[in-house]
């Protein structure tokens, strides 16, 4: 099975280099992956993290932004390692979202 980034031999298309200012949650995710991964879940291999992202269904993979792929891959690895479940992550994210709504 060909993975999303396995494009060897396929025709290339235009590369859309679009710069943007990172969103605050993207900075937070980067810090989370860098600290929680190696410290708590033993995700100390870039290949393992990449595999978690590329294991996503192709339609899903192609519909997400770069950092959304990071988020999905990170959650999947947390589940695989028994650190957190997707339900725990979603519940905590909802709590934070509600708190931010009431304070703004």
PDB file of N, CA and C in Angstrom:
ATOM      1  N   UNK A   1       0.842  -1.182   0.000  1.00  0.00           N
ATOM      2  CA  UNK A   1       0.000   0.000   0.000  1.00  0.00           C
ATOM      3  C   UNK A   1       0.888   1.246   0.000  1.00  0.00           C
ATOM      4  N   UNK A   2       0.579   2.165  -0.848  1.00  0.00           N
ATOM      5  CA  UNK A   2       1.333   3.406  -0.965  1.00  0.00           C
ATOM      6  C   UNK A   2       0.863   4.376   0.132  1.00  0.00           C
ATOM      7  N   UNK A   3       1.805   4.955   0.853  1.00  0.00           N
ATOM      8  CA  UNK A   3       1.486   5.934   1.895  1.00  0.00           C
ATOM      9  C   UNK A   3       1.364   7.322   1.263  1.00  0.00           C
ATOM     10  N   UNK A   4       0.717   8.255   1.992  1.00  0.00           N
ATOM     11  CA  UNK A   4       0.471   9.587   1.416  1.00  0.00           C
ATOM     12  C   UNK A   4       1.713  10.308   0.892  1.00  0.00           C
ATOM     13  N   UNK A   5       2.844  10.157   1.573  1.00  0.00           N
ATOM     14  CA  UNK A   5       4.051  10.855   1.130  1.00  0.00           C
ATOM     15  C   UNK A   5       4.899  10.038   0.177  1.00  0.00           C
ATOM     16  N   UNK A   6       4.466   8.837  -0.172  1.00  0.00           N
ATOM     17  CA  UNK A   6       5.197   7.990  -1.103  1.00  0.00           C
ATOM     18  C   UNK A   6       4.760   8.356  -2.518  1.00  0.00           C
ATOM     19  N   UNK A   7       5.426   9.332  -3.098  1.00  0.00           N
ATOM     20  CA  UNK A   7       5.030   9.843  -4.414  1.00  0.00           C
ATOM     21  C   UNK A   7       6.042   9.489  -5.497  1.00  0.00           C
ATOM     22  N   UNK A   8       6.946   8.576  -5.178  1.00  0.00           N
ATOM     23  CA  UNK A   8       7.949   8.174  -6.161  1.00  0.00           C
ATOM     24  C   UNK A   8       7.311   7.648  -7.433  1.00  0.00           C
ATOM     25  N   UNK A   9       7.700   8.204  -8.571  1.00  0.00           N
ATOM     26  CA  UNK A   9       7.192   7.764  -9.864  1.00  0.00           C
ATOM     27  C   UNK A   9       5.877   8.392 -10.276  1.00  0.00           C
ATOM     28  N   UNK A  10       5.249   9.135  -9.391  1.00  0.00           N
ATOM     29  CA  UNK A  10       3.996   9.804  -9.727  1.00  0.00           C
ATOM     30  C   UNK A  10       4.280  11.185 -10.299  1.00  0.00           C
ATOM     31  N   UNK A  11       3.408  11.678 -11.186  1.00  0.00           N
ATOM     32  CA  UNK A  11       3.633  13.032 -11.705  1.00  0.00           C
ATOM     33  C   UNK A  11       3.487  14.062 -10.587  1.00  0.00           C
ATOM     34  N   UNK A  12       4.370  15.001 -10.611  1.00  0.00           N
ATOM     35  CA  UNK A  12       4.320  16.058  -9.607  1.00  0.00           C
ATOM     36  C   UNK A  12       3.395  17.174 -10.049  1.00  0.00           C
ATOM     37  N   UNK A  13       2.893  17.870  -9.114  1.00  0.00           N
ATOM     38  CA  UNK A  13       2.033  19.009  -9.406  1.00  0.00           C
ATOM     39  C   UNK A  13       2.671  20.270  -8.853  1.00  0.00           C
ATOM     40  N   UNK A  14       1.954  21.363  -8.916  1.00  0.00           N
ATOM     41  CA  UNK A  14       2.508  22.606  -8.371  1.00  0.00           C
ATOM     42  C   UNK A  14       2.638  22.514  -6.850  1.00  0.00           C
ATOM     43  N   UNK A  15       3.639  23.157  -6.355  1.00  0.00           N
ATOM     44  CA  UNK A  15       3.844  23.215  -4.910  1.00  0.00           C
ATOM     45  C   UNK A  15       3.322  24.550  -4.433  1.00  0.00           C
ATOM     46  N   UNK A  16       2.347  24.492  -3.574  1.00  0.00           N
ATOM     47  CA  UNK A  16       1.750  25.717  -3.035  1.00  0.00           C
ATOM     48  C   UNK A  16       2.457  26.134  -1.761  1.00  0.00           C
ATOM     49  N   UNK A  17       3.474  26.933  -1.919  1.00  0.00           N
ATOM     50  CA  UNK A  17       4.192  27.427  -0.749  1.00  0.00           C
ATOM     51  C   UNK A  17       3.429  28.611  -0.185  1.00  0.00           C
ATOM     52  N   UNK A  18       2.680  28.349   0.836  1.00  0.00           N
ATOM     53  CA  UNK A  18       1.908  29.435   1.432  1.00  0.00           C
ATOM     54  C   UNK A  18       2.382  29.646   2.852  1.00  0.00           C
ATOM     55  N   UNK A  19       2.895  30.787   3.080  1.00  0.00           N
ATOM     56  CA  UNK A  19       3.347  31.118   4.412  1.00  0.00           C
ATOM     57  C   UNK A  19       2.181  31.630   5.246  1.00  0.00           C
ATOM     58  N   UNK A  20       2.280  31.457   6.516  1.00  0.00           N
ATOM     59  CA  UNK A  20       1.251  31.976   7.409  1.00  0.00           C
ATOM     60  C   UNK A  20       1.836  32.128   8.808  1.00  0.00           C
ATOM     61  N   UNK A  21       1.200  32.982   9.564  1.00  0.00           N
ATOM     62  CA  UNK A  21       1.573  33.122  10.962  1.00  0.00           C
ATOM     63  C   UNK A  21       0.980  31.933  11.711  1.00  0.00           C
ATOM     64  N   UNK A  22       1.776  31.214  12.460  1.00  0.00           N
ATOM     65  CA  UNK A  22       1.233  30.081  13.207  1.00  0.00           C
ATOM     66  C   UNK A  22       0.170  30.525  14.207  1.00  0.00           C
ATOM     67  N   UNK A  23      -0.837  29.716  14.353  1.00  0.00           N
ATOM     68  CA  UNK A  23      -1.874  29.947  15.356  1.00  0.00           C
ATOM     69  C   UNK A  23      -1.304  29.591  16.727  1.00  0.00           C
ATOM     70  N   UNK A  24      -1.821  30.175  17.804  1.00  0.00           N
ATOM     71  CA  UNK A  24      -1.313  29.829  19.138  1.00  0.00           C
ATOM     72  C   UNK A  24      -1.381  28.330  19.443  1.00  0.00           C
ATOM     73  N   UNK A  25      -2.440  27.657  18.992  1.00  0.00           N
ATOM     74  CA  UNK A  25      -2.561  26.221  19.281  1.00  0.00           C
ATOM     75  C   UNK A  25      -1.490  25.418  18.554  1.00  0.00           C
ATOM     76  N   UNK A  26      -0.977  25.930  17.434  1.00  0.00           N
ATOM     77  CA  UNK A  26       0.081  25.227  16.712  1.00  0.00           C
ATOM     78  C   UNK A  26       1.396  25.274  17.491  1.00  0.00           C
ATOM     79  N   UNK A  27       1.661  26.420  18.124  1.00  0.00           N
ATOM     80  CA  UNK A  27       2.843  26.518  18.990  1.00  0.00           C
ATOM     81  C   UNK A  27       2.698  25.561  20.174  1.00  0.00           C
ATOM     82  N   UNK A  28       1.515  25.534  20.753  1.00  0.00           N
ATOM     83  CA  UNK A  28       1.266  24.669  21.898  1.00  0.00           C
ATOM     84  C   UNK A  28       1.434  23.196  21.526  1.00  0.00           C
ATOM     85  N   UNK A  29       0.897  22.807  20.382  1.00  0.00           N
ATOM     86  CA  UNK A  29       1.025  21.424  19.940  1.00  0.00           C
ATOM     87  C   UNK A  29       2.483  21.053  19.732  1.00  0.00           C
ATOM     88  N   UNK A  30       3.250  21.932  19.127  1.00  0.00           N
ATOM     89  CA  UNK A  30       4.666  21.662  18.907  1.00  0.00           C
ATOM     90  C   UNK A  30       5.379  21.434  20.241  1.00  0.00           C
ATOM     91  N   UNK A  31       5.080  22.276  21.223  1.00  0.00           N
ATOM     92  CA  UNK A  31       5.686  22.119  22.552  1.00  0.00           C
ATOM     93  C   UNK A  31       5.234  20.821  23.211  1.00  0.00           C
ATOM     94  N   UNK A  32       3.973  20.497  23.053  1.00  0.00           N
ATOM     95  CA  UNK A  32       3.423  19.270  23.638  1.00  0.00           C
ATOM     96  C   UNK A  32       4.093  18.034  23.055  1.00  0.00           C
ATOM     97  N   UNK A  33       4.214  18.002  21.754  1.00  0.00           N
ATOM     98  CA  UNK A  33       4.843  16.855  21.096  1.00  0.00           C
ATOM     99  C   UNK A  33       6.303  16.741  21.539  1.00  0.00           C
ATOM    100  N   UNK A  34       6.976  17.876  21.650  1.00  0.00           N
ATOM    101  CA  UNK A  34       8.394  17.871  22.010  1.00  0.00           C
ATOM    102  C   UNK A  34       8.633  17.450  23.459  1.00  0.00           C
ATOM    103  N   UNK A  35       7.686  17.741  24.343  1.00  0.00           N
ATOM    104  CA  UNK A  35       7.919  17.438  25.756  1.00  0.00           C
ATOM    105  C   UNK A  35       7.178  16.200  26.237  1.00  0.00           C
ATOM    106  N   UNK A  36       5.909  16.113  25.980  1.00  0.00           N
ATOM    107  CA  UNK A  36       5.122  14.986  26.469  1.00  0.00           C
ATOM    108  C   UNK A  36       5.503  13.709  25.755  1.00  0.00           C
ATOM    109  N   UNK A  37       5.706  13.794  24.454  1.00  0.00           N
ATOM    110  CA  UNK A  37       6.048  12.597  23.699  1.00  0.00           C
ATOM    111  C   UNK A  37       7.225  11.844  24.287  1.00  0.00           C
ATOM    112  N   UNK A  38       8.416  12.405  24.246  1.00  0.00           N
ATOM    113  CA  UNK A  38       9.579  11.666  24.749  1.00  0.00           C
ATOM    114  C   UNK A  38       9.507  11.378  26.249  1.00  0.00           C
ATOM    115  N   UNK A  39       8.966  12.316  27.022  1.00  0.00           N
ATOM    116  CA  UNK A  39       8.980  12.152  28.476  1.00  0.00           C
ATOM    117  C   UNK A  39       7.994  11.099  28.965  1.00  0.00           C
ATOM    118  N   UNK A  40       6.790  11.111  28.417  1.00  0.00           N
ATOM    119  CA  UNK A  40       5.736  10.259  28.950  1.00  0.00           C
ATOM    120  C   UNK A  40       5.409   9.048  28.092  1.00  0.00           C
ATOM    121  N   UNK A  41       5.512   9.177  26.792  1.00  0.00           N
ATOM    122  CA  UNK A  41       5.047   8.097  25.921  1.00  0.00           C
ATOM    123  C   UNK A  41       6.174   7.443  25.136  1.00  0.00           C
ATOM    124  N   UNK A  42       7.399   7.882  25.393  1.00  0.00           N
ATOM    125  CA  UNK A  42       8.540   7.312  24.696  1.00  0.00           C
ATOM    126  C   UNK A  42       8.424   7.439  23.181  1.00  0.00           C
ATOM    127  N   UNK A  43       7.866   8.555  22.735  1.00  0.00           N
ATOM    128  CA  UNK A  43       7.832   8.849  21.306  1.00  0.00           C
ATOM    129  C   UNK A  43       9.096   9.656  21.021  1.00  0.00           C
ATOM    130  N   UNK A  44      10.170   8.976  20.874  1.00  0.00           N
ATOM    131  CA  UNK A  44      11.434   9.664  20.667  1.00  0.00           C
ATOM    132  C   UNK A  44      11.989   9.403  19.283  1.00  0.00           C
ATOM    133  N   UNK A  45      11.121   8.978  18.405  1.00  0.00           N
ATOM    134  CA  UNK A  45      11.552   8.653  17.055  1.00  0.00           C
ATOM    135  C   UNK A  45      10.667   9.398  16.054  1.00  0.00           C
ATOM    136  N   UNK A  46      11.278  10.208  15.240  1.00  0.00           N
ATOM    137  CA  UNK A  46      10.529  10.972  14.250  1.00  0.00           C
ATOM    138  C   UNK A  46       9.801  10.043  13.281  1.00  0.00           C
ATOM    139  N   UNK A  47      10.369   8.874  13.047  1.00  0.00           N
ATOM    140  CA  UNK A  47       9.737   7.918  12.138  1.00  0.00           C
ATOM    141  C   UNK A  47       8.423   7.390  12.701  1.00  0.00           C
ATOM    142  N   UNK A  48       8.383   7.151  13.994  1.00  0.00           N
ATOM    143  CA  UNK A  48       7.156   6.677  14.632  1.00  0.00           C
ATOM    144  C   UNK A  48       6.059   7.729  14.555  1.00  0.00           C
ATOM    145  N   UNK A  49       6.421   8.971  14.791  1.00  0.00           N
ATOM    146  CA  UNK A  49       5.449  10.063  14.725  1.00  0.00           C
ATOM    147  C   UNK A  49       4.952  10.245  13.288  1.00  0.00           C
ATOM    148  N   UNK A  50       5.846  10.138  12.337  1.00  0.00           N
ATOM    149  CA  UNK A  50       5.442  10.247  10.929  1.00  0.00           C
ATOM    150  C   UNK A  50       4.510   9.098  10.541  1.00  0.00           C
ATOM    151  N   UNK A  51       4.843   7.881  10.972  1.00  0.00           N
ATOM    152  CA  UNK A  51       4.001   6.727  10.686  1.00  0.00           C
ATOM    153  C   UNK A  51       2.587   6.922  11.231  1.00  0.00           C
ATOM    154  N   UNK A  52       2.479   7.498  12.426  1.00  0.00           N
ATOM    155  CA  UNK A  52       1.164   7.726  13.022  1.00  0.00           C
ATOM    156  C   UNK A  52       0.325   8.677  12.162  1.00  0.00           C
ATOM    157  N   UNK A  53       0.966   9.652  11.562  1.00  0.00           N
ATOM    158  CA  UNK A  53       0.233  10.583  10.685  1.00  0.00           C
ATOM    159  C   UNK A  53      -0.116   9.912   9.361  1.00  0.00           C
ATOM    160  N   UNK A  54       0.828   9.183   8.809  1.00  0.00           N
ATOM    161  CA  UNK A  54       0.608   8.577   7.494  1.00  0.00           C
ATOM    162  C   UNK A  54      -0.310   7.361   7.544  1.00  0.00           C
ATOM    163  N   UNK A  55      -0.585   6.835   8.728  1.00  0.00           N
ATOM    164  CA  UNK A  55      -1.533   5.730   8.859  1.00  0.00           C
ATOM    165  C   UNK A  55      -2.985   6.193   8.754  1.00  0.00           C
ATOM    166  N   UNK A  56      -3.203   7.490   8.752  1.00  0.00           N
ATOM    167  CA  UNK A  56      -4.568   8.009   8.625  1.00  0.00           C
ATOM    168  C   UNK A  56      -5.116   7.655   7.244  1.00  0.00           C
ATOM    169  N   UNK A  57      -6.415   7.488   7.154  1.00  0.00           N
ATOM    170  CA  UNK A  57      -7.051   7.190   5.871  1.00  0.00           C
ATOM    171  C   UNK A  57      -6.696   8.279   4.856  1.00  0.00           C
ATOM    172  N   UNK A  58      -6.435   7.913   3.593  1.00  0.00           N
ATOM    173  CA  UNK A  58      -6.018   8.900   2.595  1.00  0.00           C
ATOM    174  C   UNK A  58      -6.965  10.101   2.461  1.00  0.00           C
ATOM    175  N   UNK A  59      -8.267   9.869   2.441  1.00  0.00           N
ATOM    176  CA  UNK A  59      -9.202  10.992   2.329  1.00  0.00           C
ATOM    177  C   UNK A  59      -9.115  11.931   3.510  1.00  0.00           C
ATOM    178  N   UNK A  60      -8.941  11.345   4.677  1.00  0.00           N
ATOM    179  CA  UNK A  60      -8.807  12.116   5.911  1.00  0.00           C
ATOM    180  C   UNK A  60      -7.478  12.849   5.899  1.00  0.00           C
ATOM    181  N   UNK A  61      -6.419  12.130   5.537  1.00  0.00           N
ATOM    182  CA  UNK A  61      -5.072  12.696   5.492  1.00  0.00           C
ATOM    183  C   UNK A  61      -5.025  13.916   4.571  1.00  0.00           C
ATOM    184  N   UNK A  62      -5.639  13.801   3.401  1.00  0.00           N
ATOM    185  CA  UNK A  62      -5.582  14.882   2.411  1.00  0.00           C
ATOM    186  C   UNK A  62      -6.465  16.073   2.764  1.00  0.00           C
ATOM    187  N   UNK A  63      -7.399  15.899   3.685  1.00  0.00           N
ATOM    188  CA  UNK A  63      -8.322  16.976   4.040  1.00  0.00           C
ATOM    189  C   UNK A  63      -7.815  17.841   5.189  1.00  0.00           C
ATOM    190  N   UNK A  64      -6.774  17.400   5.865  1.00  0.00           N
ATOM    191  CA  UNK A  64      -6.308  18.107   7.054  1.00  0.00           C
ATOM    192  C   UNK A  64      -5.104  18.990   6.761  1.00  0.00           C
ATOM    193  N   UNK A  65      -4.976  20.035   7.557  1.00  0.00           N
ATOM    194  CA  UNK A  65      -3.794  20.891   7.474  1.00  0.00           C
ATOM    195  C   UNK A  65      -2.616  20.172   8.147  1.00  0.00           C
ATOM    196  N   UNK A  66      -1.445  20.721   7.977  1.00  0.00           N
ATOM    197  CA  UNK A  66      -0.225  20.141   8.528  1.00  0.00           C
ATOM    198  C   UNK A  66      -0.352  19.892  10.031  1.00  0.00           C
ATOM    199  N   UNK A  67      -0.755  20.924  10.775  1.00  0.00           N
ATOM    200  CA  UNK A  67      -0.836  20.776  12.223  1.00  0.00           C
ATOM    201  C   UNK A  67      -2.053  19.959  12.660  1.00  0.00           C
ATOM    202  N   UNK A  68      -3.082  19.906  11.851  1.00  0.00           N
ATOM    203  CA  UNK A  68      -4.196  19.003  12.148  1.00  0.00           C
ATOM    204  C   UNK A  68      -3.734  17.552  12.019  1.00  0.00           C
ATOM    205  N   UNK A  69      -2.869  17.282  11.033  1.00  0.00           N
ATOM    206  CA  UNK A  69      -2.287  15.943  10.908  1.00  0.00           C
ATOM    207  C   UNK A  69      -1.433  15.612  12.129  1.00  0.00           C
ATOM    208  N   UNK A  70      -0.680  16.588  12.579  1.00  0.00           N
ATOM    209  CA  UNK A  70       0.128  16.401  13.790  1.00  0.00           C
ATOM    210  C   UNK A  70      -0.772  16.032  14.955  1.00  0.00           C
ATOM    211  N   UNK A  71      -1.887  16.764  15.088  1.00  0.00           N
ATOM    212  CA  UNK A  71      -2.795  16.519  16.201  1.00  0.00           C
ATOM    213  C   UNK A  71      -3.335  15.096  16.160  1.00  0.00           C
ATOM    214  N   UNK A  72      -3.825  14.689  15.016  1.00  0.00           N
ATOM    215  CA  UNK A  72      -4.385  13.339  14.878  1.00  0.00           C
ATOM    216  C   UNK A  72      -3.326  12.277  15.138  1.00  0.00           C
ATOM    217  N   UNK A  73      -2.143  12.457  14.572  1.00  0.00           N
ATOM    218  CA  UNK A  73      -1.066  11.493  14.786  1.00  0.00           C
ATOM    219  C   UNK A  73      -0.658  11.409  16.240  1.00  0.00           C
ATOM    220  N   UNK A  74      -0.581  12.552  16.893  1.00  0.00           N
ATOM    221  CA  UNK A  74      -0.180  12.592  18.298  1.00  0.00           C
ATOM    222  C   UNK A  74      -1.218  11.892  19.180  1.00  0.00           C
ATOM    223  N   UNK A  75      -2.491  12.165  18.932  1.00  0.00           N
ATOM    224  CA  UNK A  75      -3.539  11.510  19.709  1.00  0.00           C
ATOM    225  C   UNK A  75      -3.492  10.000  19.480  1.00  0.00           C
ATOM    226  N   UNK A  76      -3.316   9.584  18.233  1.00  0.00           N
ATOM    227  CA  UNK A  76      -3.240   8.151  17.939  1.00  0.00           C
ATOM    228  C   UNK A  76      -2.070   7.490  18.669  1.00  0.00           C
ATOM    229  N   UNK A  77      -0.923   8.171  18.702  1.00  0.00           N
ATOM    230  CA  UNK A  77       0.220   7.600  19.410  1.00  0.00           C
ATOM    231  C   UNK A  77      -0.017   7.560  20.918  1.00  0.00           C
ATOM    232  N   UNK A  78      -0.670   8.574  21.461  1.00  0.00           N
ATOM    233  CA  UNK A  78      -0.971   8.579  22.894  1.00  0.00           C
ATOM    234  C   UNK A  78      -1.862   7.388  23.244  1.00  0.00           C
ATOM    235  N   UNK A  79      -2.816   7.102  22.353  1.00  0.00           N
ATOM    236  CA  UNK A  79      -3.678   5.936  22.571  1.00  0.00           C
ATOM    237  C   UNK A  79      -2.886   4.636  22.455  1.00  0.00           C
ATOM    238  N   UNK A  80      -2.067   4.529  21.429  1.00  0.00           N
ATOM    239  CA  UNK A  80      -1.267   3.315  21.238  1.00  0.00           C
ATOM    240  C   UNK A  80      -0.386   3.026  22.445  1.00  0.00           C
ATOM    241  N   UNK A  81       0.168   4.077  23.022  1.00  0.00           N
ATOM    242  CA  UNK A  81       1.088   3.930  24.148  1.00  0.00           C
ATOM    243  C   UNK A  81       0.366   3.813  25.485  1.00  0.00           C
ATOM    244  N   UNK A  82      -0.963   3.969  25.481  1.00  0.00           N
ATOM    245  CA  UNK A  82      -1.730   3.864  26.717  1.00  0.00           C
ATOM    246  C   UNK A  82      -1.616   5.077  27.626  1.00  0.00           C
ATOM    247  N   UNK A  83      -1.250   6.235  27.056  1.00  0.00           N
ATOM    248  CA  UNK A  83      -1.093   7.448  27.856  1.00  0.00           C
ATOM    249  C   UNK A  83      -2.428   8.159  28.022  1.00  0.00           C
ATOM    250  N   UNK A  84      -3.123   8.387  26.934  1.00  0.00           N
ATOM    251  CA  UNK A  84      -4.422   9.067  26.929  1.00  0.00           C
ATOM    252  C   UNK A  84      -5.309   8.414  25.881  1.00  0.00           C
ATOM    253  N   UNK A  85      -6.615   8.520  26.077  1.00  0.00           N
ATOM    254  CA  UNK A  85      -7.537   8.071  25.046  1.00  0.00           C
ATOM    255  C   UNK A  85      -8.044   9.290  24.297  1.00  0.00           C
ATOM    256  N   UNK A  86      -8.558   9.057  23.117  1.00  0.00           N
ATOM    257  CA  UNK A  86      -9.137  10.143  22.326  1.00  0.00           C
ATOM    258  C   UNK A  86     -10.277  10.813  23.110  1.00  0.00           C
ATOM    259  N   UNK A  87     -11.057  10.023  23.804  1.00  0.00           N
ATOM    260  CA  UNK A  87     -12.176  10.570  24.591  1.00  0.00           C
ATOM    261  C   UNK A  87     -11.658  11.517  25.667  1.00  0.00           C
ATOM    262  N   UNK A  88     -10.571  11.141  26.339  1.00  0.00           N
ATOM    263  CA  UNK A  88      -9.992  12.013  27.369  1.00  0.00           C
ATOM    264  C   UNK A  88      -9.506  13.321  26.758  1.00  0.00           C
ATOM    265  N   UNK A  89      -8.858  13.240  25.618  1.00  0.00           N
ATOM    266  CA  UNK A  89      -8.359  14.445  24.952  1.00  0.00           C
ATOM    267  C   UNK A  89      -9.522  15.343  24.539  1.00  0.00           C
ATOM    268  N   UNK A  90     -10.545  14.762  23.914  1.00  0.00           N
ATOM    269  CA  UNK A  90     -11.700  15.557  23.462  1.00  0.00           C
ATOM    270  C   UNK A  90     -12.448  16.185  24.635  1.00  0.00           C
ATOM    271  N   UNK A  91     -12.595  15.447  25.730  1.00  0.00           N
ATOM    272  CA  UNK A  91     -13.277  16.004  26.911  1.00  0.00           C
ATOM    273  C   UNK A  91     -12.494  17.190  27.473  1.00  0.00           C
ATOM    274  N   UNK A  92     -11.187  17.038  27.580  1.00  0.00           N
ATOM    275  CA  UNK A  92     -10.359  18.131  28.117  1.00  0.00           C
ATOM    276  C   UNK A  92     -10.370  19.335  27.180  1.00  0.00           C
ATOM    277  N   UNK A  93     -10.312  19.087  25.875  1.00  0.00           N
ATOM    278  CA  UNK A  93     -10.364  20.194  24.907  1.00  0.00           C
ATOM    279  C   UNK A  93     -11.692  20.938  25.030  1.00  0.00           C
ATOM    280  N   UNK A  94     -12.788  20.212  25.228  1.00  0.00           N
ATOM    281  CA  UNK A  94     -14.103  20.853  25.383  1.00  0.00           C
ATOM    282  C   UNK A  94     -14.142  21.696  26.657  1.00  0.00           C
ATOM    283  N   UNK A  95     -13.558  21.198  27.728  1.00  0.00           N
ATOM    284  CA  UNK A  95     -13.503  21.969  28.978  1.00  0.00           C
ATOM    285  C   UNK A  95     -12.729  23.268  28.780  1.00  0.00           C
ATOM    286  N   UNK A  96     -11.619  23.190  28.112  1.00  0.00           N
ATOM    287  CA  UNK A  96     -10.792  24.380  27.862  1.00  0.00           C
ATOM    288  C   UNK A  96     -11.550  25.360  26.979  1.00  0.00           C
ATOM    289  N   UNK A  97     -12.193  24.850  25.932  1.00  0.00           N
ATOM    290  CA  UNK A  97     -12.967  25.704  25.028  1.00  0.00           C
ATOM    291  C   UNK A  97     -14.080  26.431  25.785  1.00  0.00           C
ATOM    292  N   UNK A  98     -14.783  25.706  26.646  1.00  0.00           N
ATOM    293  CA  UNK A  98     -15.846  26.329  27.436  1.00  0.00           C
ATOM    294  C   UNK A  98     -15.298  27.406  28.361  1.00  0.00           C
ATOM    295  N   UNK A  99     -14.185  27.127  28.995  1.00  0.00           N
ATOM    296  CA  UNK A  99     -13.567  28.103  29.900  1.00  0.00           C
ATOM    297  C   UNK A  99     -13.143  29.352  29.136  1.00  0.00           C
ATOM    298  N   UNK A 100     -12.588  29.170  27.930  1.00  0.00           N
ATOM    299  CA  UNK A 100     -12.158  30.325  27.145  1.00  0.00           C
ATOM    300  C   UNK A 100     -13.361  31.153  26.693  1.00  0.00           C
ATOM    301  N   UNK A 101     -14.459  30.491  26.378  1.00  0.00           N
ATOM    302  CA  UNK A 101     -15.673  31.223  25.981  1.00  0.00           C
ATOM    303  C   UNK A 101     -16.213  32.076  27.108  1.00  0.00           C
ATOM    304  N   UNK A 102     -16.172  31.576  28.322  1.00  0.00           N
ATOM    305  CA  UNK A 102     -16.728  32.325  29.458  1.00  0.00           C
ATOM    306  C   UNK A 102     -15.823  33.445  29.913  1.00  0.00           C
ATOM    307  N   UNK A 103     -14.526  33.367  29.611  1.00  0.00           N
ATOM    308  CA  UNK A 103     -13.610  34.424  30.033  1.00  0.00           C
ATOM    309  C   UNK A 103     -13.435  35.519  28.980  1.00  0.00           C
ATOM    310  N   UNK A 104     -13.929  35.292  27.774  1.00  0.00           N
ATOM    311  CA  UNK A 104     -13.710  36.319  26.737  1.00  0.00           C
ATOM    312  C   UNK A 104     -14.953  37.128  26.486  1.00  0.00           C
TER     313      UNK A 104
END
